[in-house]
Amino acid sequence: MYAGTGAVGIEALSRGASAVTFVESDPKAVKLLQKNLQSCRLLDRAQVHVGQTASFLDQKDCWDSPYDVLFADPPYAALDELEIMIHSWRPGLLSDRATIIIEQDSRTELPASLDHATLVRRYVYGDTALYLYGLSTSRKTAT
């Protein structure tokens, strides 16, 4: 989510991820992302969704899921985008063993739990913080 130039997803693909779905709304970033995927010869393992994260999350037919990792780098200080990530859980979006990673400004405090996920660890690198969440084991299956 908020893929930008695709650096994180491209790195995941280069380290063995079978496929990555990139979600980005900025047309200039999408163009550069597609160029980067082509240069790295990774187009066959990538799906690029052009549009807002909230729209992607609400369109199950766009998903190549269930996903094992959801990585999101919403713009720092964009509280509305951060709220979207905090409440991103949708039935069928994530696998039972999924990890959710949210990158934010290190001064931002994210909650100890999200919808159906619990904070496992917080890493701080200068001005950047990575929040790693794991799905709660008590999660109930929708019927």
N, C-alpha and C. Protein backbone atom coordinates (compact mmCIF):
# COMPACT_ATOMS: atom_id res chain seq x y z
N MET A 1 0.84 -1.18 0.00
CA MET A 1 0.00 0.00 0.00
C MET A 1 0.88 1.24 0.00
N TYR A 2 0.50 2.25 -0.80
CA TYR A 2 1.30 3.48 -0.93
C TYR A 2 2.69 3.08 -1.47
N ALA A 3 2.71 2.37 -2.58
CA ALA A 3 3.91 1.74 -3.11
C ALA A 3 5.01 2.69 -3.56
N GLY A 4 4.65 3.89 -3.96
CA GLY A 4 5.68 4.82 -4.44
C GLY A 4 6.41 4.23 -5.63
N THR A 5 7.74 4.23 -5.58
CA THR A 5 8.55 3.71 -6.68
C THR A 5 8.65 2.19 -6.66
N GLY A 6 8.12 1.56 -5.62
CA GLY A 6 8.10 0.11 -5.54
C GLY A 6 9.31 -0.53 -4.90
N ALA A 7 10.18 0.27 -4.28
CA ALA A 7 11.44 -0.25 -3.74
C ALA A 7 11.24 -1.42 -2.77
N VAL A 8 10.29 -1.31 -1.85
CA VAL A 8 10.10 -2.37 -0.85
C VAL A 8 9.59 -3.65 -1.52
N GLY A 9 8.62 -3.54 -2.39
CA GLY A 9 8.08 -4.71 -3.07
C GLY A 9 9.09 -5.34 -4.02
N ILE A 10 9.86 -4.53 -4.72
CA ILE A 10 10.90 -5.04 -5.61
C ILE A 10 11.95 -5.79 -4.80
N GLU A 11 12.30 -5.25 -3.65
CA GLU A 11 13.25 -5.94 -2.77
C GLU A 11 12.67 -7.29 -2.32
N ALA A 12 11.39 -7.32 -1.98
CA ALA A 12 10.75 -8.58 -1.58
C ALA A 12 10.81 -9.59 -2.72
N LEU A 13 10.52 -9.16 -3.93
CA LEU A 13 10.59 -10.05 -5.08
C LEU A 13 12.01 -10.56 -5.31
N SER A 14 12.99 -9.68 -5.13
CA SER A 14 14.38 -10.09 -5.35
C SER A 14 14.85 -11.08 -4.28
N ARG A 15 14.14 -11.11 -3.14
CA ARG A 15 14.52 -12.02 -2.06
C ARG A 15 13.61 -13.25 -1.97
N GLY A 16 12.81 -13.47 -3.01
CA GLY A 16 12.07 -14.71 -3.08
C GLY A 16 10.56 -14.65 -2.96
N ALA A 17 9.97 -13.48 -2.77
CA ALA A 17 8.50 -13.40 -2.74
C ALA A 17 7.97 -13.89 -4.08
N SER A 18 6.93 -14.70 -4.05
CA SER A 18 6.40 -15.25 -5.30
C SER A 18 5.66 -14.21 -6.13
N ALA A 19 5.04 -13.24 -5.46
CA ALA A 19 4.30 -12.20 -6.16
C ALA A 19 4.08 -11.02 -5.21
N VAL A 20 3.92 -9.83 -5.80
CA VAL A 20 3.64 -8.63 -5.02
C VAL A 20 2.55 -7.83 -5.73
N THR A 21 1.59 -7.36 -4.95
CA THR A 21 0.58 -6.43 -5.46
C THR A 21 0.96 -5.04 -4.95
N PHE A 22 1.17 -4.12 -5.87
CA PHE A 22 1.53 -2.74 -5.54
C PHE A 22 0.27 -1.89 -5.65
N VAL A 23 0.02 -1.03 -4.67
CA VAL A 23 -1.12 -0.13 -4.70
C VAL A 23 -0.58 1.30 -4.60
N GLU A 24 -0.85 2.11 -5.61
CA GLU A 24 -0.34 3.49 -5.65
C GLU A 24 -1.33 4.36 -6.42
N SER A 25 -1.54 5.57 -5.92
CA SER A 25 -2.49 6.47 -6.58
C SER A 25 -1.83 7.58 -7.40
N ASP A 26 -0.58 7.89 -7.15
CA ASP A 26 0.10 8.98 -7.86
C ASP A 26 0.55 8.50 -9.24
N PRO A 27 0.03 9.11 -10.32
CA PRO A 27 0.37 8.66 -11.68
C PRO A 27 1.87 8.70 -11.98
N LYS A 28 2.59 9.70 -11.49
CA LYS A 28 4.03 9.78 -11.73
C LYS A 28 4.76 8.63 -11.02
N ALA A 29 4.35 8.33 -9.81
CA ALA A 29 4.96 7.22 -9.07
C ALA A 29 4.66 5.89 -9.75
N VAL A 30 3.43 5.73 -10.26
CA VAL A 30 3.05 4.49 -10.95
C VAL A 30 3.92 4.29 -12.19
N LYS A 31 4.13 5.36 -12.92
CA LYS A 31 4.96 5.27 -14.13
C LYS A 31 6.38 4.83 -13.78
N LEU A 32 6.94 5.42 -12.74
CA LEU A 32 8.28 5.04 -12.31
C LEU A 32 8.31 3.62 -11.75
N LEU A 33 7.28 3.24 -11.01
CA LEU A 33 7.16 1.88 -10.48
C LEU A 33 7.18 0.86 -11.62
N GLN A 34 6.38 1.09 -12.65
CA GLN A 34 6.32 0.17 -13.78
C GLN A 34 7.67 0.12 -14.52
N LYS A 35 8.33 1.26 -14.63
CA LYS A 35 9.66 1.29 -15.26
C LYS A 35 10.66 0.48 -14.42
N ASN A 36 10.59 0.62 -13.10
CA ASN A 36 11.49 -0.12 -12.22
C ASN A 36 11.23 -1.63 -12.31
N LEU A 37 9.97 -2.02 -12.35
CA LEU A 37 9.64 -3.44 -12.48
C LEU A 37 10.14 -4.00 -13.80
N GLN A 38 10.00 -3.22 -14.85
CA GLN A 38 10.48 -3.66 -16.16
C GLN A 38 12.01 -3.77 -16.17
N SER A 39 12.69 -2.78 -15.61
CA SER A 39 14.16 -2.80 -15.56
C SER A 39 14.68 -4.00 -14.78
N CYS A 40 13.95 -4.38 -13.74
CA CYS A 40 14.36 -5.51 -12.89
C CYS A 40 13.82 -6.84 -13.41
N ARG A 41 13.09 -6.79 -14.53
CA ARG A 41 12.48 -7.99 -15.13
C ARG A 41 11.56 -8.72 -14.15
N LEU A 42 10.70 -7.95 -13.50
CA LEU A 42 9.80 -8.51 -12.49
C LEU A 42 8.33 -8.32 -12.81
N LEU A 43 8.01 -7.85 -14.00
CA LEU A 43 6.62 -7.58 -14.36
C LEU A 43 5.74 -8.82 -14.25
N ASP A 44 6.30 -10.00 -14.51
CA ASP A 44 5.51 -11.23 -14.48
C ASP A 44 5.10 -11.65 -13.07
N ARG A 45 5.74 -11.08 -12.05
CA ARG A 45 5.42 -11.44 -10.66
C ARG A 45 4.80 -10.26 -9.90
N ALA A 46 4.41 -9.23 -10.64
CA ALA A 46 3.88 -8.03 -10.01
C ALA A 46 2.51 -7.68 -10.57
N GLN A 47 1.67 -7.21 -9.69
CA GLN A 47 0.37 -6.66 -10.07
C GLN A 47 0.36 -5.23 -9.57
N VAL A 48 0.07 -4.28 -10.45
CA VAL A 48 0.04 -2.87 -10.06
C VAL A 48 -1.41 -2.40 -10.10
N HIS A 49 -1.90 -1.97 -8.94
CA HIS A 49 -3.26 -1.43 -8.84
C HIS A 49 -3.13 0.08 -8.73
N VAL A 50 -3.65 0.78 -9.72
CA VAL A 50 -3.60 2.24 -9.72
C VAL A 50 -4.87 2.77 -9.07
N GLY A 51 -4.70 3.41 -7.92
CA GLY A 51 -5.85 3.96 -7.22
C GLY A 51 -5.56 4.13 -5.74
N GLN A 52 -6.54 4.64 -5.05
CA GLN A 52 -6.44 4.89 -3.61
C GLN A 52 -6.44 3.56 -2.84
N THR A 53 -5.73 3.53 -1.73
CA THR A 53 -5.68 2.36 -0.88
C THR A 53 -7.08 1.97 -0.39
N ALA A 54 -7.85 2.93 0.06
CA ALA A 54 -9.21 2.64 0.56
C ALA A 54 -10.05 1.97 -0.52
N SER A 55 -9.92 2.43 -1.75
CA SER A 55 -10.67 1.84 -2.86
C SER A 55 -10.21 0.40 -3.10
N PHE A 56 -8.92 0.16 -3.08
CA PHE A 56 -8.38 -1.19 -3.26
C PHE A 56 -8.92 -2.12 -2.18
N LEU A 57 -8.88 -1.68 -0.94
CA LEU A 57 -9.34 -2.51 0.17
C LEU A 57 -10.81 -2.87 0.06
N ASP A 58 -11.60 -2.01 -0.57
CA ASP A 58 -13.03 -2.25 -0.69
C ASP A 58 -13.41 -3.01 -1.96
N GLN A 59 -12.43 -3.34 -2.81
CA GLN A 59 -12.71 -4.03 -4.08
C GLN A 59 -12.05 -5.41 -4.07
N LYS A 60 -12.72 -6.36 -3.46
CA LYS A 60 -12.16 -7.70 -3.29
C LYS A 60 -11.73 -8.33 -4.62
N ASP A 61 -12.39 -7.99 -5.71
CA ASP A 61 -12.03 -8.56 -7.00
C ASP A 61 -10.66 -8.08 -7.50
N CYS A 62 -10.09 -7.05 -6.87
CA CYS A 62 -8.75 -6.56 -7.21
C CYS A 62 -7.65 -7.34 -6.48
N TRP A 63 -8.02 -8.08 -5.46
CA TRP A 63 -7.03 -8.75 -4.61
C TRP A 63 -6.49 -10.00 -5.28
N ASP A 64 -5.23 -10.25 -5.06
CA ASP A 64 -4.59 -11.51 -5.42
C ASP A 64 -4.25 -12.17 -4.09
N SER A 65 -5.28 -12.41 -3.29
CA SER A 65 -5.10 -12.77 -1.89
C SER A 65 -5.45 -14.23 -1.65
N PRO A 66 -5.24 -14.71 -0.44
CA PRO A 66 -4.88 -13.95 0.76
C PRO A 66 -3.39 -13.63 0.78
N TYR A 67 -3.07 -12.46 1.31
CA TYR A 67 -1.69 -11.98 1.38
C TYR A 67 -1.05 -12.43 2.69
N ASP A 68 0.24 -12.75 2.61
CA ASP A 68 1.01 -13.12 3.80
C ASP A 68 1.63 -11.90 4.47
N VAL A 69 1.87 -10.85 3.69
CA VAL A 69 2.46 -9.62 4.21
C VAL A 69 1.69 -8.44 3.63
N LEU A 70 1.34 -7.51 4.48
CA LEU A 70 0.77 -6.24 4.03
C LEU A 70 1.73 -5.17 4.53
N PHE A 71 2.39 -4.49 3.60
CA PHE A 71 3.32 -3.42 3.95
C PHE A 71 2.70 -2.11 3.50
N ALA A 72 2.63 -1.15 4.41
CA ALA A 72 2.03 0.14 4.09
C ALA A 72 2.94 1.28 4.54
N ASP A 73 3.11 2.23 3.66
CA ASP A 73 3.91 3.41 3.96
C ASP A 73 3.09 4.65 3.65
N PRO A 74 1.99 4.86 4.43
CA PRO A 74 1.16 6.04 4.16
C PRO A 74 1.95 7.31 4.44
N PRO A 75 1.60 8.39 3.76
CA PRO A 75 2.33 9.65 3.98
C PRO A 75 2.37 10.02 5.46
N TYR A 76 3.54 10.42 5.92
CA TYR A 76 3.68 10.85 7.31
C TYR A 76 2.75 12.03 7.54
N ALA A 77 2.12 12.06 8.69
CA ALA A 77 1.22 13.13 9.13
C ALA A 77 -0.12 13.14 8.37
N ALA A 78 -0.36 12.16 7.50
CA ALA A 78 -1.66 12.05 6.83
C ALA A 78 -2.54 11.15 7.69
N LEU A 79 -3.16 11.74 8.68
CA LEU A 79 -3.90 10.96 9.67
C LEU A 79 -5.06 10.17 9.07
N ASP A 80 -5.70 10.70 8.03
CA ASP A 80 -6.79 9.97 7.40
C ASP A 80 -6.27 8.69 6.74
N GLU A 81 -5.10 8.76 6.11
CA GLU A 81 -4.51 7.57 5.49
C GLU A 81 -4.06 6.57 6.55
N LEU A 82 -3.57 7.08 7.66
CA LEU A 82 -3.16 6.22 8.76
C LEU A 82 -4.37 5.47 9.34
N GLU A 83 -5.49 6.15 9.44
CA GLU A 83 -6.72 5.52 9.92
C GLU A 83 -7.16 4.40 8.98
N ILE A 84 -6.98 4.59 7.68
CA ILE A 84 -7.32 3.54 6.71
C ILE A 84 -6.51 2.29 7.01
N MET A 85 -5.22 2.46 7.30
CA MET A 85 -4.37 1.32 7.58
C MET A 85 -4.72 0.66 8.91
N ILE A 86 -5.04 1.45 9.89
CA ILE A 86 -5.39 0.90 11.20
C ILE A 86 -6.64 0.02 11.10
N HIS A 87 -7.53 0.36 10.20
CA HIS A 87 -8.77 -0.39 10.03
C HIS A 87 -8.81 -1.09 8.68
N SER A 88 -7.67 -1.64 8.25
CA SER A 88 -7.57 -2.24 6.92
C SER A 88 -8.05 -3.69 6.83
N TRP A 89 -8.28 -4.36 7.96
CA TRP A 89 -8.63 -5.78 7.90
C TRP A 89 -9.95 -5.98 7.17
N ARG A 90 -9.93 -6.91 6.23
CA ARG A 90 -11.13 -7.33 5.51
C ARG A 90 -11.10 -8.84 5.43
N PRO A 91 -12.25 -9.51 5.58
CA PRO A 91 -12.26 -10.98 5.44
C PRO A 91 -11.69 -11.38 4.08
N GLY A 92 -10.76 -12.33 4.09
CA GLY A 92 -10.17 -12.83 2.86
C GLY A 92 -8.94 -12.07 2.38
N LEU A 93 -8.64 -10.93 2.96
CA LEU A 93 -7.49 -10.14 2.52
C LEU A 93 -6.17 -10.77 2.94
N LEU A 94 -6.10 -11.22 4.18
CA LEU A 94 -4.84 -11.71 4.74
C LEU A 94 -4.92 -13.19 5.10
N SER A 95 -3.77 -13.87 4.96
CA SER A 95 -3.70 -15.27 5.39
C SER A 95 -3.68 -15.32 6.91
N ASP A 96 -3.89 -16.49 7.46
CA ASP A 96 -3.90 -16.66 8.92
C ASP A 96 -2.55 -16.36 9.56
N ARG A 97 -1.48 -16.44 8.78
CA ARG A 97 -0.14 -16.20 9.32
C ARG A 97 0.43 -14.84 8.87
N ALA A 98 -0.44 -13.96 8.43
CA ALA A 98 -0.01 -12.68 7.86
C ALA A 98 0.65 -11.76 8.88
N THR A 99 1.52 -10.93 8.35
CA THR A 99 2.16 -9.87 9.11
C THR A 99 1.77 -8.55 8.46
N ILE A 100 1.43 -7.57 9.27
CA ILE A 100 1.13 -6.23 8.79
C ILE A 100 2.26 -5.33 9.25
N ILE A 101 2.85 -4.59 8.32
CA ILE A 101 3.95 -3.69 8.64
C ILE A 101 3.53 -2.29 8.20
N ILE A 102 3.58 -1.35 9.13
CA ILE A 102 3.23 0.04 8.82
C ILE A 102 4.45 0.90 9.12
N GLU A 103 4.87 1.67 8.12
CA GLU A 103 5.98 2.61 8.29
C GLU A 103 5.41 3.98 8.59
N GLN A 104 5.99 4.63 9.60
CA GLN A 104 5.52 5.96 9.99
C GLN A 104 6.66 6.77 10.57
N ASP A 105 6.41 8.04 10.78
CA ASP A 105 7.33 8.91 11.48
C ASP A 105 7.53 8.36 12.89
N SER A 106 8.75 8.38 13.39
CA SER A 106 9.04 7.78 14.70
C SER A 106 8.32 8.50 15.85
N ARG A 107 7.85 9.72 15.61
CA ARG A 107 7.11 10.44 16.65
C ARG A 107 5.64 10.04 16.70
N THR A 108 5.19 9.29 15.70
CA THR A 108 3.81 8.82 15.65
C THR A 108 3.68 7.57 16.51
N GLU A 109 2.68 7.55 17.35
CA GLU A 109 2.41 6.37 18.19
C GLU A 109 1.20 5.64 17.62
N LEU A 110 1.43 4.44 17.13
CA LEU A 110 0.33 3.62 16.65
C LEU A 110 -0.18 2.75 17.80
N PRO A 111 -1.43 2.30 17.71
CA PRO A 111 -2.01 1.52 18.81
C PRO A 111 -1.37 0.14 18.97
N ALA A 112 -1.54 -0.45 20.13
CA ALA A 112 -1.01 -1.78 20.43
C ALA A 112 -1.79 -2.87 19.68
N SER A 113 -2.96 -2.52 19.19
CA SER A 113 -3.71 -3.48 18.38
C SER A 113 -4.47 -2.75 17.30
N LEU A 114 -4.63 -3.44 16.18
CA LEU A 114 -5.43 -2.96 15.06
C LEU A 114 -6.62 -3.90 14.95
N ASP A 115 -7.45 -3.69 13.95
CA ASP A 115 -8.54 -4.63 13.71
C ASP A 115 -7.95 -6.02 13.49
N HIS A 116 -8.14 -6.93 14.41
CA HIS A 116 -7.72 -8.33 14.30
C HIS A 116 -6.21 -8.54 14.31
N ALA A 117 -5.43 -7.57 14.71
CA ALA A 117 -3.97 -7.72 14.75
C ALA A 117 -3.41 -7.06 16.01
N THR A 118 -2.31 -7.63 16.49
CA THR A 118 -1.66 -7.15 17.71
C THR A 118 -0.23 -6.76 17.41
N LEU A 119 0.22 -5.67 18.02
CA LEU A 119 1.59 -5.20 17.82
C LEU A 119 2.57 -6.25 18.36
N VAL A 120 3.49 -6.67 17.51
CA VAL A 120 4.52 -7.63 17.89
C VAL A 120 5.81 -6.91 18.24
N ARG A 121 6.15 -5.90 17.43
CA ARG A 121 7.40 -5.18 17.66
C ARG A 121 7.38 -3.84 16.93
N ARG A 122 8.11 -2.89 17.50
CA ARG A 122 8.30 -1.57 16.90
C ARG A 122 9.79 -1.35 16.74
N TYR A 123 10.21 -1.05 15.51
CA TYR A 123 11.61 -0.74 15.22
C TYR A 123 11.72 0.74 14.91
N VAL A 124 12.75 1.40 15.44
CA VAL A 124 12.97 2.81 15.16
C VAL A 124 14.32 2.98 14.48
N TYR A 125 14.31 3.67 13.36
CA TYR A 125 15.51 3.98 12.59
C TYR A 125 15.52 5.48 12.33
N GLY A 126 16.17 6.24 13.18
CA GLY A 126 16.19 7.70 13.02
C GLY A 126 14.79 8.26 13.13
N ASP A 127 14.33 8.91 12.06
CA ASP A 127 13.00 9.52 12.04
C ASP A 127 11.89 8.55 11.62
N THR A 128 12.25 7.31 11.35
CA THR A 128 11.30 6.33 10.83
C THR A 128 11.04 5.22 11.85
N ALA A 129 9.79 4.80 11.94
CA ALA A 129 9.42 3.67 12.78
C ALA A 129 8.67 2.65 11.93
N LEU A 130 8.97 1.37 12.17
CA LEU A 130 8.24 0.27 11.55
C LEU A 130 7.46 -0.45 12.65
N TYR A 131 6.18 -0.60 12.43
CA TYR A 131 5.31 -1.32 13.37
C TYR A 131 4.96 -2.66 12.74
N LEU A 132 5.28 -3.75 13.43
CA LEU A 132 4.97 -5.09 12.95
C LEU A 132 3.82 -5.65 13.77
N TYR A 133 2.76 -6.01 13.08
CA TYR A 133 1.58 -6.58 13.70
C TYR A 133 1.36 -8.00 13.20
N GLY A 134 0.91 -8.87 14.08
CA GLY A 134 0.53 -10.23 13.71
C GLY A 134 -0.95 -10.39 13.94
N LEU A 135 -1.58 -11.22 13.14
CA LEU A 135 -3.01 -11.44 13.32
C LEU A 135 -3.27 -12.12 14.65
N SER A 136 -4.30 -11.69 15.31
CA SER A 136 -4.67 -12.26 16.60
C SER A 136 -5.13 -13.70 16.41
N THR A 137 -4.67 -14.58 17.27
CA THR A 137 -5.04 -15.99 17.17
C THR A 137 -6.50 -16.22 17.52
N SER A 138 -7.11 -15.28 18.19
CA SER A 138 -8.51 -15.44 18.57
C SER A 138 -9.46 -14.96 17.48
N ARG A 139 -8.92 -14.62 16.31
CA ARG A 139 -9.73 -14.13 15.22
C ARG A 139 -10.80 -15.15 14.84
N LYS A 140 -12.00 -14.68 14.64
CA LYS A 140 -13.09 -15.58 14.27
C LYS A 140 -13.29 -15.53 12.77
N THR A 141 -13.66 -16.65 12.20
CA THR A 141 -13.91 -16.74 10.77
C THR A 141 -15.34 -16.30 10.47
N ALA A 142 -15.49 -15.50 9.43
CA ALA A 142 -16.83 -15.05 9.03
C ALA A 142 -17.58 -16.23 8.43
N THR A 143 -18.84 -16.34 8.74
CA THR A 143 -19.65 -17.43 8.18
C THR A 143 -20.85 -16.88 7.46
